[in-house]
Amino acid sequence: MPTLTKLYSLKEAGEHNTRDDCWVVVDGKVYDVSSYLDEHPGGDDVLLKATGHSKDAIQLMEEFCIGELDPSDIIPEEESSADKEVDLTKRIMDMTSQYWVIPVGIVGISVVACLFYMRRK
């Protein structure tokens, strides 16, 4: 039988951000690490500004797990700048494949002009 856990909103978890009352959200799980702040190897500053942890730390934190983040409250990830650059590059490549006639026409006209100039000499 699955274990039922309490669901917390992102706003509710964000309100617990002091040294005396510190919650951390990692991979959708909410941890109350208030009692662990003094024991943390990196100090309490690291946990108060936490953005992620190693797998070993997450295993250690299981005893501090108090619930999960409400899935309807999760913010979708924004498109990274690398994805935007790939998209821009793809669009440029698509445009050049569509408009290949223009550079070929310019080269063709240049060759004809050059041949015409060489015959006049």
PDB file of N, CA and C in Angstrom:
ATOM      1  N   MET A   1       0.844  -1.186   0.000  1.00  0.00           N
ATOM      2  CA  MET A   1       0.000   0.000   0.000  1.00  0.00           C
ATOM      3  C   MET A   1       0.885   1.244   0.000  1.00  0.00           C
ATOM      4  N   PRO A   2       0.640   2.198  -0.907  1.00  0.00           N
ATOM      5  CA  PRO A   2       1.491   3.392  -0.983  1.00  0.00           C
ATOM      6  C   PRO A   2       1.340   4.262   0.262  1.00  0.00           C
ATOM      7  N   THR A   3       2.439   4.908   0.600  1.00  0.00           N
ATOM      8  CA  THR A   3       2.442   5.807   1.733  1.00  0.00           C
ATOM      9  C   THR A   3       1.894   7.161   1.290  1.00  0.00           C
ATOM     10  N   LEU A   4       0.945   7.686   2.030  1.00  0.00           N
ATOM     11  CA  LEU A   4       0.373   8.977   1.709  1.00  0.00           C
ATOM     12  C   LEU A   4       1.230  10.063   2.343  1.00  0.00           C
ATOM     13  N   THR A   5       1.568  11.066   1.567  1.00  0.00           N
ATOM     14  CA  THR A   5       2.350  12.180   2.093  1.00  0.00           C
ATOM     15  C   THR A   5       1.555  13.453   1.926  1.00  0.00           C
ATOM     16  N   LYS A   6       1.844  14.408   2.755  1.00  0.00           N
ATOM     17  CA  LYS A   6       1.168  15.696   2.679  1.00  0.00           C
ATOM     18  C   LYS A   6       1.703  16.483   1.495  1.00  0.00           C
ATOM     19  N   LEU A   7       0.821  17.204   0.809  1.00  0.00           N
ATOM     20  CA  LEU A   7       1.216  18.031  -0.322  1.00  0.00           C
ATOM     21  C   LEU A   7       1.316  19.477   0.137  1.00  0.00           C
ATOM     22  N   TYR A   8       2.402  20.135  -0.262  1.00  0.00           N
ATOM     23  CA  TYR A   8       2.637  21.530   0.085  1.00  0.00           C
ATOM     24  C   TYR A   8       2.718  22.342  -1.192  1.00  0.00           C
ATOM     25  N   SER A   9       2.225  23.563  -1.130  1.00  0.00           N
ATOM     26  CA  SER A   9       2.346  24.450  -2.288  1.00  0.00           C
ATOM     27  C   SER A   9       3.753  25.043  -2.302  1.00  0.00           C
ATOM     28  N   LEU A  10       4.160  25.519  -3.449  1.00  0.00           N
ATOM     29  CA  LEU A  10       5.475  26.148  -3.586  1.00  0.00           C
ATOM     30  C   LEU A  10       5.542  27.404  -2.717  1.00  0.00           C
ATOM     31  N   LYS A  11       4.435  28.128  -2.657  1.00  0.00           N
ATOM     32  CA  LYS A  11       4.386  29.336  -1.835  1.00  0.00           C
ATOM     33  C   LYS A  11       4.562  28.984  -0.359  1.00  0.00           C
ATOM     34  N   GLU A  12       3.870  27.936   0.093  1.00  0.00           N
ATOM     35  CA  GLU A  12       3.968  27.526   1.496  1.00  0.00           C
ATOM     36  C   GLU A  12       5.389  27.097   1.847  1.00  0.00           C
ATOM     37  N   ALA A  13       6.020  26.338   0.965  1.00  0.00           N
ATOM     38  CA  ALA A  13       7.396  25.901   1.217  1.00  0.00           C
ATOM     39  C   ALA A  13       8.339  27.091   1.228  1.00  0.00           C
ATOM     40  N   GLY A  14       8.079  28.082   0.393  1.00  0.00           N
ATOM     41  CA  GLY A  14       8.930  29.257   0.317  1.00  0.00           C
ATOM     42  C   GLY A  14       8.851  30.152   1.541  1.00  0.00           C
ATOM     43  N   GLU A  15       7.778  30.040   2.291  1.00  0.00           N
ATOM     44  CA  GLU A  15       7.627  30.854   3.501  1.00  0.00           C
ATOM     45  C   GLU A  15       8.522  30.376   4.646  1.00  0.00           C
ATOM     46  N   HIS A  16       9.009  29.162   4.554  1.00  0.00           N
ATOM     47  CA  HIS A  16       9.859  28.580   5.602  1.00  0.00           C
ATOM     48  C   HIS A  16      11.322  28.750   5.184  1.00  0.00           C
ATOM     49  N   ASN A  17      11.848  29.967   5.342  1.00  0.00           N
ATOM     50  CA  ASN A  17      13.186  30.272   4.828  1.00  0.00           C
ATOM     51  C   ASN A  17      14.074  30.972   5.860  1.00  0.00           C
ATOM     52  N   THR A  18      13.841  30.681   7.131  1.00  0.00           N
ATOM     53  CA  THR A  18      14.668  31.284   8.179  1.00  0.00           C
ATOM     54  C   THR A  18      15.489  30.204   8.863  1.00  0.00           C
ATOM     55  N   ARG A  19      16.432  30.625   9.672  1.00  0.00           N
ATOM     56  CA  ARG A  19      17.304  29.685  10.375  1.00  0.00           C
ATOM     57  C   ARG A  19      16.507  28.793  11.336  1.00  0.00           C
ATOM     58  N   ASP A  20      15.444  29.331  11.936  1.00  0.00           N
ATOM     59  CA  ASP A  20      14.639  28.571  12.892  1.00  0.00           C
ATOM     60  C   ASP A  20      13.576  27.708  12.224  1.00  0.00           C
ATOM     61  N   ASP A  21      13.257  28.005  10.985  1.00  0.00           N
ATOM     62  CA  ASP A  21      12.210  27.279  10.269  1.00  0.00           C
ATOM     63  C   ASP A  21      12.605  27.200   8.797  1.00  0.00           C
ATOM     64  N   CYS A  22      13.359  26.174   8.432  1.00  0.00           N
ATOM     65  CA  CYS A  22      13.931  26.071   7.091  1.00  0.00           C
ATOM     66  C   CYS A  22      13.441  24.809   6.390  1.00  0.00           C
ATOM     67  N   TRP A  23      12.742  25.013   5.276  1.00  0.00           N
ATOM     68  CA  TRP A  23      12.324  23.906   4.426  1.00  0.00           C
ATOM     69  C   TRP A  23      13.086  24.002   3.115  1.00  0.00           C
ATOM     70  N   VAL A  24      13.406  22.846   2.563  1.00  0.00           N
ATOM     71  CA  VAL A  24      14.124  22.773   1.288  1.00  0.00           C
ATOM     72  C   VAL A  24      13.320  21.861   0.363  1.00  0.00           C
ATOM     73  N   VAL A  25      13.191  22.247  -0.886  1.00  0.00           N
ATOM     74  CA  VAL A  25      12.509  21.429  -1.890  1.00  0.00           C
ATOM     75  C   VAL A  25      13.555  20.886  -2.845  1.00  0.00           C
ATOM     76  N   VAL A  26      13.623  19.558  -2.935  1.00  0.00           N
ATOM     77  CA  VAL A  26      14.561  18.901  -3.845  1.00  0.00           C
ATOM     78  C   VAL A  26      13.802  17.818  -4.594  1.00  0.00           C
ATOM     79  N   ASP A  27      13.804  17.903  -5.922  1.00  0.00           N
ATOM     80  CA  ASP A  27      13.134  16.921  -6.782  1.00  0.00           C
ATOM     81  C   ASP A  27      11.690  16.675  -6.372  1.00  0.00           C
ATOM     82  N   GLY A  28      10.978  17.746  -6.037  1.00  0.00           N
ATOM     83  CA  GLY A  28       9.561  17.637  -5.720  1.00  0.00           C
ATOM     84  C   GLY A  28       9.242  17.192  -4.312  1.00  0.00           C
ATOM     85  N   LYS A  29      10.246  16.918  -3.501  1.00  0.00           N
ATOM     86  CA  LYS A  29      10.017  16.532  -2.107  1.00  0.00           C
ATOM     87  C   LYS A  29      10.351  17.706  -1.195  1.00  0.00           C
ATOM     88  N   VAL A  30       9.585  17.849  -0.122  1.00  0.00           N
ATOM     89  CA  VAL A  30       9.767  18.947   0.823  1.00  0.00           C
ATOM     90  C   VAL A  30      10.423  18.396   2.082  1.00  0.00           C
ATOM     91  N   TYR A  31      11.514  19.035   2.486  1.00  0.00           N
ATOM     92  CA  TYR A  31      12.277  18.604   3.661  1.00  0.00           C
ATOM     93  C   TYR A  31      12.314  19.739   4.686  1.00  0.00           C
ATOM     94  N   ASP A  32      12.049  19.400   5.958  1.00  0.00           N
ATOM     95  CA  ASP A  32      12.201  20.360   7.052  1.00  0.00           C
ATOM     96  C   ASP A  32      13.582  20.116   7.646  1.00  0.00           C
ATOM     97  N   VAL A  33      14.542  20.953   7.299  1.00  0.00           N
ATOM     98  CA  VAL A  33      15.932  20.761   7.719  1.00  0.00           C
ATOM     99  C   VAL A  33      16.338  21.729   8.837  1.00  0.00           C
ATOM    100  N   SER A  34      15.344  22.283   9.520  1.00  0.00           N
ATOM    101  CA  SER A  34      15.633  23.254  10.588  1.00  0.00           C
ATOM    102  C   SER A  34      16.582  22.677  11.636  1.00  0.00           C
ATOM    103  N   SER A  35      16.359  21.420  12.030  1.00  0.00           N
ATOM    104  CA  SER A  35      17.195  20.816  13.075  1.00  0.00           C
ATOM    105  C   SER A  35      18.563  20.392  12.550  1.00  0.00           C
ATOM    106  N   TYR A  36      18.735  20.367  11.238  1.00  0.00           N
ATOM    107  CA  TYR A  36      19.981  19.894  10.636  1.00  0.00           C
ATOM    108  C   TYR A  36      20.933  21.033  10.266  1.00  0.00           C
ATOM    109  N   LEU A  37      20.475  22.267  10.346  1.00  0.00           N
ATOM    110  CA  LEU A  37      21.288  23.402   9.898  1.00  0.00           C
ATOM    111  C   LEU A  37      22.659  23.449  10.564  1.00  0.00           C
ATOM    112  N   ASP A  38      22.716  23.222  11.884  1.00  0.00           N
ATOM    113  CA  ASP A  38      23.998  23.290  12.593  1.00  0.00           C
ATOM    114  C   ASP A  38      24.926  22.140  12.223  1.00  0.00           C
ATOM    115  N   GLU A  39      24.363  21.003  11.817  1.00  0.00           N
ATOM    116  CA  GLU A  39      25.164  19.820  11.498  1.00  0.00           C
ATOM    117  C   GLU A  39      25.629  19.783  10.044  1.00  0.00           C
ATOM    118  N   HIS A  40      25.030  20.601   9.201  1.00  0.00           N
ATOM    119  CA  HIS A  40      25.348  20.562   7.770  1.00  0.00           C
ATOM    120  C   HIS A  40      26.823  20.911   7.560  1.00  0.00           C
ATOM    121  N   PRO A  41      27.550  20.081   6.775  1.00  0.00           N
ATOM    122  CA  PRO A  41      28.989  20.300   6.572  1.00  0.00           C
ATOM    123  C   PRO A  41      29.325  21.660   5.953  1.00  0.00           C
ATOM    124  N   GLY A  42      28.441  22.194   5.145  1.00  0.00           N
ATOM    125  CA  GLY A  42      28.705  23.486   4.505  1.00  0.00           C
ATOM    126  C   GLY A  42      28.175  24.661   5.303  1.00  0.00           C
ATOM    127  N   GLY A  43      27.570  24.367   6.442  1.00  0.00           N
ATOM    128  CA  GLY A  43      27.001  25.427   7.262  1.00  0.00           C
ATOM    129  C   GLY A  43      25.569  25.740   6.867  1.00  0.00           C
ATOM    130  N   ASP A  44      24.921  26.548   7.691  1.00  0.00           N
ATOM    131  CA  ASP A  44      23.512  26.853   7.435  1.00  0.00           C
ATOM    132  C   ASP A  44      23.314  27.754   6.221  1.00  0.00           C
ATOM    133  N   ASP A  45      24.312  28.566   5.879  1.00  0.00           N
ATOM    134  CA  ASP A  45      24.182  29.451   4.713  1.00  0.00           C
ATOM    135  C   ASP A  45      23.963  28.656   3.432  1.00  0.00           C
ATOM    136  N   VAL A  46      24.644  27.524   3.328  1.00  0.00           N
ATOM    137  CA  VAL A  46      24.529  26.694   2.132  1.00  0.00           C
ATOM    138  C   VAL A  46      23.105  26.156   1.999  1.00  0.00           C
ATOM    139  N   LEU A  47      22.538  25.687   3.103  1.00  0.00           N
ATOM    140  CA  LEU A  47      21.178  25.151   3.045  1.00  0.00           C
ATOM    141  C   LEU A  47      20.142  26.240   2.825  1.00  0.00           C
ATOM    142  N   LEU A  48      20.354  27.396   3.403  1.00  0.00           N
ATOM    143  CA  LEU A  48      19.397  28.487   3.242  1.00  0.00           C
ATOM    144  C   LEU A  48      19.358  28.991   1.799  1.00  0.00           C
ATOM    145  N   LYS A  49      20.444  28.784   1.042  1.00  0.00           N
ATOM    146  CA  LYS A  49      20.509  29.205  -0.363  1.00  0.00           C
ATOM    147  C   LYS A  49      20.554  28.003  -1.303  1.00  0.00           C
ATOM    148  N   ALA A  50      20.116  26.845  -0.818  1.00  0.00           N
ATOM    149  CA  ALA A  50      20.276  25.589  -1.554  1.00  0.00           C
ATOM    150  C   ALA A  50      19.545  25.599  -2.892  1.00  0.00           C
ATOM    151  N   THR A  51      20.200  25.010  -3.896  1.00  0.00           N
ATOM    152  CA  THR A  51      19.573  24.825  -5.200  1.00  0.00           C
ATOM    153  C   THR A  51      19.622  23.365  -5.632  1.00  0.00           C
ATOM    154  N   GLY A  52      20.318  22.519  -4.923  1.00  0.00           N
ATOM    155  CA  GLY A  52      20.407  21.104  -5.266  1.00  0.00           C
ATOM    156  C   GLY A  52      21.376  20.393  -4.361  1.00  0.00           C
ATOM    157  N   HIS A  53      21.327  19.066  -4.403  1.00  0.00           N
ATOM    158  CA  HIS A  53      22.188  18.265  -3.542  1.00  0.00           C
ATOM    159  C   HIS A  53      22.646  17.017  -4.272  1.00  0.00           C
ATOM    160  N   SER A  54      23.695  16.387  -3.723  1.00  0.00           N
ATOM    161  CA  SER A  54      24.180  15.136  -4.280  1.00  0.00           C
ATOM    162  C   SER A  54      23.210  14.012  -3.903  1.00  0.00           C
ATOM    163  N   LYS A  55      23.346  12.870  -4.546  1.00  0.00           N
ATOM    164  CA  LYS A  55      22.483  11.729  -4.238  1.00  0.00           C
ATOM    165  C   LYS A  55      22.683  11.255  -2.801  1.00  0.00           C
ATOM    166  N   ASP A  56      23.917  11.292  -2.308  1.00  0.00           N
ATOM    167  CA  ASP A  56      24.180  10.887  -0.916  1.00  0.00           C
ATOM    168  C   ASP A  56      23.445  11.809   0.053  1.00  0.00           C
ATOM    169  N   ALA A  57      23.455  13.090  -0.226  1.00  0.00           N
ATOM    170  CA  ALA A  57      22.778  14.053   0.651  1.00  0.00           C
ATOM    171  C   ALA A  57      21.271  13.827   0.627  1.00  0.00           C
ATOM    172  N   ILE A  58      20.736  13.509  -0.537  1.00  0.00           N
ATOM    173  CA  ILE A  58      19.297  13.266  -0.636  1.00  0.00           C
ATOM    174  C   ILE A  58      18.914  12.024   0.162  1.00  0.00           C
ATOM    175  N   GLN A  59      19.753  10.974   0.121  1.00  0.00           N
ATOM    176  CA  GLN A  59      19.484   9.780   0.925  1.00  0.00           C
ATOM    177  C   GLN A  59      19.504  10.117   2.408  1.00  0.00           C
ATOM    178  N   LEU A  60      20.449  10.942   2.823  1.00  0.00           N
ATOM    179  CA  LEU A  60      20.545  11.360   4.216  1.00  0.00           C
ATOM    180  C   LEU A  60      19.332  12.197   4.620  1.00  0.00           C
ATOM    181  N   MET A  61      18.802  12.951   3.688  1.00  0.00           N
ATOM    182  CA  MET A  61      17.699  13.848   3.991  1.00  0.00           C
ATOM    183  C   MET A  61      16.348  13.138   4.096  1.00  0.00           C
ATOM    184  N   GLU A  62      16.259  11.872   3.732  1.00  0.00           N
ATOM    185  CA  GLU A  62      14.978  11.163   3.781  1.00  0.00           C
ATOM    186  C   GLU A  62      14.324  11.252   5.153  1.00  0.00           C
ATOM    187  N   GLU A  63      15.125  11.282   6.213  1.00  0.00           N
ATOM    188  CA  GLU A  63      14.546  11.368   7.557  1.00  0.00           C
ATOM    189  C   GLU A  63      13.926  12.736   7.824  1.00  0.00           C
ATOM    190  N   PHE A  64      14.263  13.741   7.003  1.00  0.00           N
ATOM    191  CA  PHE A  64      13.719  15.087   7.168  1.00  0.00           C
ATOM    192  C   PHE A  64      12.537  15.356   6.238  1.00  0.00           C
ATOM    193  N   CYS A  65      12.175  14.366   5.420  1.00  0.00           N
ATOM    194  CA  CYS A  65      11.098  14.543   4.442  1.00  0.00           C
ATOM    195  C   CYS A  65       9.759  14.688   5.175  1.00  0.00           C
ATOM    196  N   ILE A  66       9.031  15.761   4.858  1.00  0.00           N
ATOM    197  CA  ILE A  66       7.735  15.997   5.501  1.00  0.00           C
ATOM    198  C   ILE A  66       6.584  15.945   4.494  1.00  0.00           C
ATOM    199  N   GLY A  67       6.897  15.831   3.227  1.00  0.00           N
ATOM    200  CA  GLY A  67       5.846  15.760   2.215  1.00  0.00           C
ATOM    201  C   GLY A  67       6.393  15.996   0.828  1.00  0.00           C
ATOM    202  N   GLU A  68       5.477  16.272  -0.074  1.00  0.00           N
ATOM    203  CA  GLU A  68       5.849  16.508  -1.467  1.00  0.00           C
ATOM    204  C   GLU A  68       5.256  17.818  -1.952  1.00  0.00           C
ATOM    205  N   LEU A  69       5.853  18.340  -2.996  1.00  0.00           N
ATOM    206  CA  LEU A  69       5.361  19.558  -3.617  1.00  0.00           C
ATOM    207  C   LEU A  69       4.107  19.225  -4.412  1.00  0.00           C
ATOM    208  N   ASP A  70       3.106  20.060  -4.313  1.00  0.00           N
ATOM    209  CA  ASP A  70       1.868  19.861  -5.054  1.00  0.00           C
ATOM    210  C   ASP A  70       2.172  19.944  -6.550  1.00  0.00           C
ATOM    211  N   PRO A  71       1.889  18.877  -7.315  1.00  0.00           N
ATOM    212  CA  PRO A  71       2.239  18.869  -8.745  1.00  0.00           C
ATOM    213  C   PRO A  71       1.577  19.999  -9.540  1.00  0.00           C
ATOM    214  N   SER A  72       0.418  20.463  -9.106  1.00  0.00           N
ATOM    215  CA  SER A  72      -0.244  21.545  -9.841  1.00  0.00           C
ATOM    216  C   SER A  72       0.446  22.882  -9.607  1.00  0.00           C
ATOM    217  N   ASP A  73       1.370  22.921  -8.639  1.00  0.00           N
ATOM    218  CA  ASP A  73       2.056  24.154  -8.274  1.00  0.00           C
ATOM    219  C   ASP A  73       3.446  24.270  -8.896  1.00  0.00           C
ATOM    220  N   ILE A  74       3.886  23.230  -9.592  1.00  0.00           N
ATOM    221  CA  ILE A  74       5.237  23.208 -10.151  1.00  0.00           C
ATOM    222  C   ILE A  74       5.300  24.138 -11.362  1.00  0.00           C
ATOM    223  N   ILE A  75       6.320  24.972 -11.385  1.00  0.00           N
ATOM    224  CA  ILE A  75       6.527  25.927 -12.469  1.00  0.00           C
ATOM    225  C   ILE A  75       7.220  25.210 -13.627  1.00  0.00           C
ATOM    226  N   PRO A  76       6.691  25.327 -14.855  1.00  0.00           N
ATOM    227  CA  PRO A  76       7.368  24.673 -15.985  1.00  0.00           C
ATOM    228  C   PRO A  76       8.711  25.318 -16.240  1.00  0.00           C
ATOM    229  N   GLU A  77       9.661  24.502 -16.669  1.00  0.00           N
ATOM    230  CA  GLU A  77      11.005  25.008 -16.944  1.00  0.00           C
ATOM    231  C   GLU A  77      10.987  25.882 -18.190  1.00  0.00           C
ATOM    232  N   GLU A  78      11.755  26.949 -18.150  1.00  0.00           N
ATOM    233  CA  GLU A  78      11.854  27.825 -19.306  1.00  0.00           C
ATOM    234  C   GLU A  78      12.798  27.218 -20.335  1.00  0.00           C
ATOM    235  N   GLU A  79      12.612  27.614 -21.555  1.00  0.00           N
ATOM    236  CA  GLU A  79      13.492  27.164 -22.625  1.00  0.00           C
ATOM    237  C   GLU A  79      14.886  27.752 -22.391  1.00  0.00           C
ATOM    238  N   SER A  80      15.877  26.897 -22.398  1.00  0.00           N
ATOM    239  CA  SER A  80      17.233  27.371 -22.134  1.00  0.00           C
ATOM    240  C   SER A  80      17.770  28.170 -23.312  1.00  0.00           C
ATOM    241  N   SER A  81      18.806  28.960 -23.050  1.00  0.00           N
ATOM    242  CA  SER A  81      19.395  29.773 -24.117  1.00  0.00           C
ATOM    243  C   SER A  81      20.043  28.883 -25.179  1.00  0.00           C
ATOM    244  N   ALA A  82      20.531  27.707 -24.772  1.00  0.00           N
ATOM    245  CA  ALA A  82      21.121  26.783 -25.758  1.00  0.00           C
ATOM    246  C   ALA A  82      20.056  26.311 -26.739  1.00  0.00           C
ATOM    247  N   ASP A  83      18.830  26.031 -26.222  1.00  0.00           N
ATOM    248  CA  ASP A  83      17.741  25.626 -27.105  1.00  0.00           C
ATOM    249  C   ASP A  83      17.368  26.758 -28.044  1.00  0.00           C
ATOM    250  N   LYS A  84      17.386  27.995 -27.542  1.00  0.00           N
ATOM    251  CA  LYS A  84      17.055  29.148 -28.373  1.00  0.00           C
ATOM    252  C   LYS A  84      18.086  29.323 -29.471  1.00  0.00           C
ATOM    253  N   GLU A  85      19.394  29.103 -29.143  1.00  0.00           N
ATOM    254  CA  GLU A  85      20.448  29.234 -30.148  1.00  0.00           C
ATOM    255  C   GLU A  85      20.296  28.175 -31.224  1.00  0.00           C
ATOM    256  N   VAL A  86      19.961  26.951 -30.827  1.00  0.00           N
ATOM    257  CA  VAL A  86      19.764  25.870 -31.791  1.00  0.00           C
ATOM    258  C   VAL A  86      18.585  26.212 -32.692  1.00  0.00           C
ATOM    259  N   ASP A  87      17.521  26.756 -32.087  1.00  0.00           N
ATOM    260  CA  ASP A  87      16.350  27.129 -32.864  1.00  0.00           C
ATOM    261  C   ASP A  87      16.696  28.224 -33.873  1.00  0.00           C
ATOM    262  N   LEU A  88      17.459  29.230 -33.446  1.00  0.00           N
ATOM    263  CA  LEU A  88      17.859  30.310 -34.349  1.00  0.00           C
ATOM    264  C   LEU A  88      18.729  29.774 -35.482  1.00  0.00           C
ATOM    265  N   THR A  89      19.681  28.915 -35.147  1.00  0.00           N
ATOM    266  CA  THR A  89      20.549  28.313 -36.157  1.00  0.00           C
ATOM    267  C   THR A  89      19.723  27.512 -37.157  1.00  0.00           C
ATOM    268  N   LYS A  90      18.765  26.749 -36.656  1.00  0.00           N
ATOM    269  CA  LYS A  90      17.914  25.945 -37.537  1.00  0.00           C
ATOM    270  C   LYS A  90      17.102  26.852 -38.471  1.00  0.00           C
ATOM    271  N   ARG A  91      16.584  27.947 -37.937  1.00  0.00           N
ATOM    272  CA  ARG A  91      15.816  28.874 -38.763  1.00  0.00           C
ATOM    273  C   ARG A  91      16.681  29.494 -39.858  1.00  0.00           C
ATOM    274  N   ILE A  92      17.917  29.846 -39.519  1.00  0.00           N
ATOM    275  CA  ILE A  92      18.824  30.430 -40.512  1.00  0.00           C
ATOM    276  C   ILE A  92      19.140  29.404 -41.593  1.00  0.00           C
ATOM    277  N   MET A  93      19.399  28.166 -41.177  1.00  0.00           N
ATOM    278  CA  MET A  93      19.694  27.117 -42.156  1.00  0.00           C
ATOM    279  C   MET A  93      18.487  26.860 -43.056  1.00  0.00           C
ATOM    280  N   ASP A  94      17.283  26.890 -42.492  1.00  0.00           N
ATOM    281  CA  ASP A  94      16.085  26.703 -43.300  1.00  0.00           C
ATOM    282  C   ASP A  94      15.931  27.835 -44.317  1.00  0.00           C
ATOM    283  N   MET A  95      16.222  29.070 -43.870  1.00  0.00           N
ATOM    284  CA  MET A  95      16.116  30.210 -44.785  1.00  0.00           C
ATOM    285  C   MET A  95      17.119  30.091 -45.920  1.00  0.00           C
ATOM    286  N   THR A  96      18.352  29.694 -45.620  1.00  0.00           N
ATOM    287  CA  THR A  96      19.352  29.599 -46.686  1.00  0.00           C
ATOM    288  C   THR A  96      19.012  28.472 -47.651  1.00  0.00           C
ATOM    289  N   SER A  97      18.383  27.417 -47.156  1.00  0.00           N
ATOM    290  CA  SER A  97      18.012  26.339 -48.078  1.00  0.00           C
ATOM    291  C   SER A  97      16.834  26.760 -48.956  1.00  0.00           C
ATOM    292  N   GLN A  98      16.000  27.668 -48.454  1.00  0.00           N
ATOM    293  CA  GLN A  98      14.879  28.151 -49.253  1.00  0.00           C
ATOM    294  C   GLN A  98      15.315  29.195 -50.274  1.00  0.00           C
ATOM    295  N   TYR A  99      16.272  30.008 -49.899  1.00  0.00           N
ATOM    296  CA  TYR A  99      16.664  31.133 -50.745  1.00  0.00           C
ATOM    297  C   TYR A  99      18.041  30.927 -51.381  1.00  0.00           C
ATOM    298  N   TRP A 100      18.372  29.732 -51.769  1.00  0.00           N
ATOM    299  CA  TRP A 100      19.669  29.442 -52.367  1.00  0.00           C
ATOM    300  C   TRP A 100      19.805  30.080 -53.748  1.00  0.00           C
ATOM    301  N   VAL A 101      18.695  30.423 -54.353  1.00  0.00           N
ATOM    302  CA  VAL A 101      18.699  30.991 -55.698  1.00  0.00           C
ATOM    303  C   VAL A 101      19.382  32.367 -55.705  1.00  0.00           C
ATOM    304  N   ILE A 102      19.204  33.141 -54.641  1.00  0.00           N
ATOM    305  CA  ILE A 102      19.761  34.498 -54.599  1.00  0.00           C
ATOM    306  C   ILE A 102      21.292  34.480 -54.679  1.00  0.00           C
ATOM    307  N   PRO A 103      22.008  33.729 -53.803  1.00  0.00           N
ATOM    308  CA  PRO A 103      23.470  33.736 -53.938  1.00  0.00           C
ATOM    309  C   PRO A 103      23.949  33.119 -55.256  1.00  0.00           C
ATOM    310  N   VAL A 104      23.251  32.088 -55.729  1.00  0.00           N
ATOM    311  CA  VAL A 104      23.639  31.479 -57.014  1.00  0.00           C
ATOM    312  C   VAL A 104      23.439  32.495 -58.143  1.00  0.00           C
ATOM    313  N   GLY A 105      22.353  33.265 -58.096  1.00  0.00           N
ATOM    314  CA  GLY A 105      22.109  34.291 -59.108  1.00  0.00           C
ATOM    315  C   GLY A 105      23.173  35.371 -59.083  1.00  0.00           C
ATOM    316  N   ILE A 106      23.577  35.797 -57.887  1.00  0.00           N
ATOM    317  CA  ILE A 106      24.626  36.818 -57.763  1.00  0.00           C
ATOM    318  C   ILE A 106      25.937  36.310 -58.352  1.00  0.00           C
ATOM    319  N   VAL A 107      26.287  35.065 -58.038  1.00  0.00           N
ATOM    320  CA  VAL A 107      27.519  34.485 -58.580  1.00  0.00           C
ATOM    321  C   VAL A 107      27.414  34.367 -60.104  1.00  0.00           C
ATOM    322  N   GLY A 108      26.262  33.919 -60.598  1.00  0.00           N
ATOM    323  CA  GLY A 108      26.062  33.782 -62.044  1.00  0.00           C
ATOM    324  C   GLY A 108      26.209  35.108 -62.768  1.00  0.00           C
ATOM    325  N   ILE A 109      25.590  36.156 -62.219  1.00  0.00           N
ATOM    326  CA  ILE A 109      25.691  37.484 -62.824  1.00  0.00           C
ATOM    327  C   ILE A 109      27.136  37.979 -62.787  1.00  0.00           C
ATOM    328  N   SER A 110      27.838  37.707 -61.692  1.00  0.00           N
ATOM    329  CA  SER A 110      29.243  38.114 -61.584  1.00  0.00           C
ATOM    330  C   SER A 110      30.099  37.410 -62.627  1.00  0.00           C
ATOM    331  N   VAL A 111      29.859  36.135 -62.854  1.00  0.00           N
ATOM    332  CA  VAL A 111      30.632  35.376 -63.850  1.00  0.00           C
ATOM    333  C   VAL A 111      30.357  35.923 -65.245  1.00  0.00           C
ATOM    334  N   VAL A 112      29.091  36.176 -65.553  1.00  0.00           N
ATOM    335  CA  VAL A 112      28.740  36.710 -66.872  1.00  0.00           C
ATOM    336  C   VAL A 112      29.365  38.084 -67.065  1.00  0.00           C
ATOM    337  N   ALA A 113      29.314  38.938 -66.034  1.00  0.00           N
ATOM    338  CA  ALA A 113      29.906  40.276 -66.123  1.00  0.00           C
ATOM    339  C   ALA A 113      31.413  40.174 -66.323  1.00  0.00           C
ATOM    340  N   CYS A 114      32.041  39.246 -65.647  1.00  0.00           N
ATOM    341  CA  CYS A 114      33.489  39.058 -65.770  1.00  0.00           C
ATOM    342  C   CYS A 114      33.843  38.591 -67.189  1.00  0.00           C
ATOM    343  N   LEU A 115      33.093  37.630 -67.703  1.00  0.00           N
ATOM    344  CA  LEU A 115      33.339  37.141 -69.065  1.00  0.00           C
ATOM    345  C   LEU A 115      33.126  38.267 -70.092  1.00  0.00           C
ATOM    346  N   PHE A 116      32.077  39.038 -69.910  1.00  0.00           N
ATOM    347  CA  PHE A 116      31.803  40.147 -70.806  1.00  0.00           C
ATOM    348  C   PHE A 116      32.936  41.174 -70.767  1.00  0.00           C
ATOM    349  N   TYR A 117      33.450  41.465 -69.581  1.00  0.00           N
ATOM    350  CA  TYR A 117      34.544  42.419 -69.415  1.00  0.00           C
ATOM    351  C   TYR A 117      35.825  41.885 -70.071  1.00  0.00           C
ATOM    352  N   MET A 118      36.084  40.570 -69.893  1.00  0.00           N
ATOM    353  CA  MET A 118      37.311  39.968 -70.454  1.00  0.00           C
ATOM    354  C   MET A 118      37.247  39.959 -71.990  1.00  0.00           C
ATOM    355  N   ARG A 119      36.099  39.797 -72.608  1.00  0.00           N
ATOM    356  CA  ARG A 119      35.982  39.775 -74.058  1.00  0.00           C
ATOM    357  C   ARG A 119      36.212  41.168 -74.630  1.00  0.00           C
ATOM    358  N   ARG A 120      35.820  42.196 -73.886  1.00  0.00           N
ATOM    359  CA  ARG A 120      36.005  43.547 -74.381  1.00  0.00           C
ATOM    360  C   ARG A 120      37.461  43.934 -74.412  1.00  0.00           C
ATOM    361  N   LYS A 121      38.262  43.391 -73.559  1.00  0.00           N
ATOM    362  CA  LYS A 121      39.691  43.729 -73.540  1.00  0.00           C
ATOM    363  C   LYS A 121      40.324  43.100 -74.700  1.00  0.00           C
TER     364      LYS A 121
END
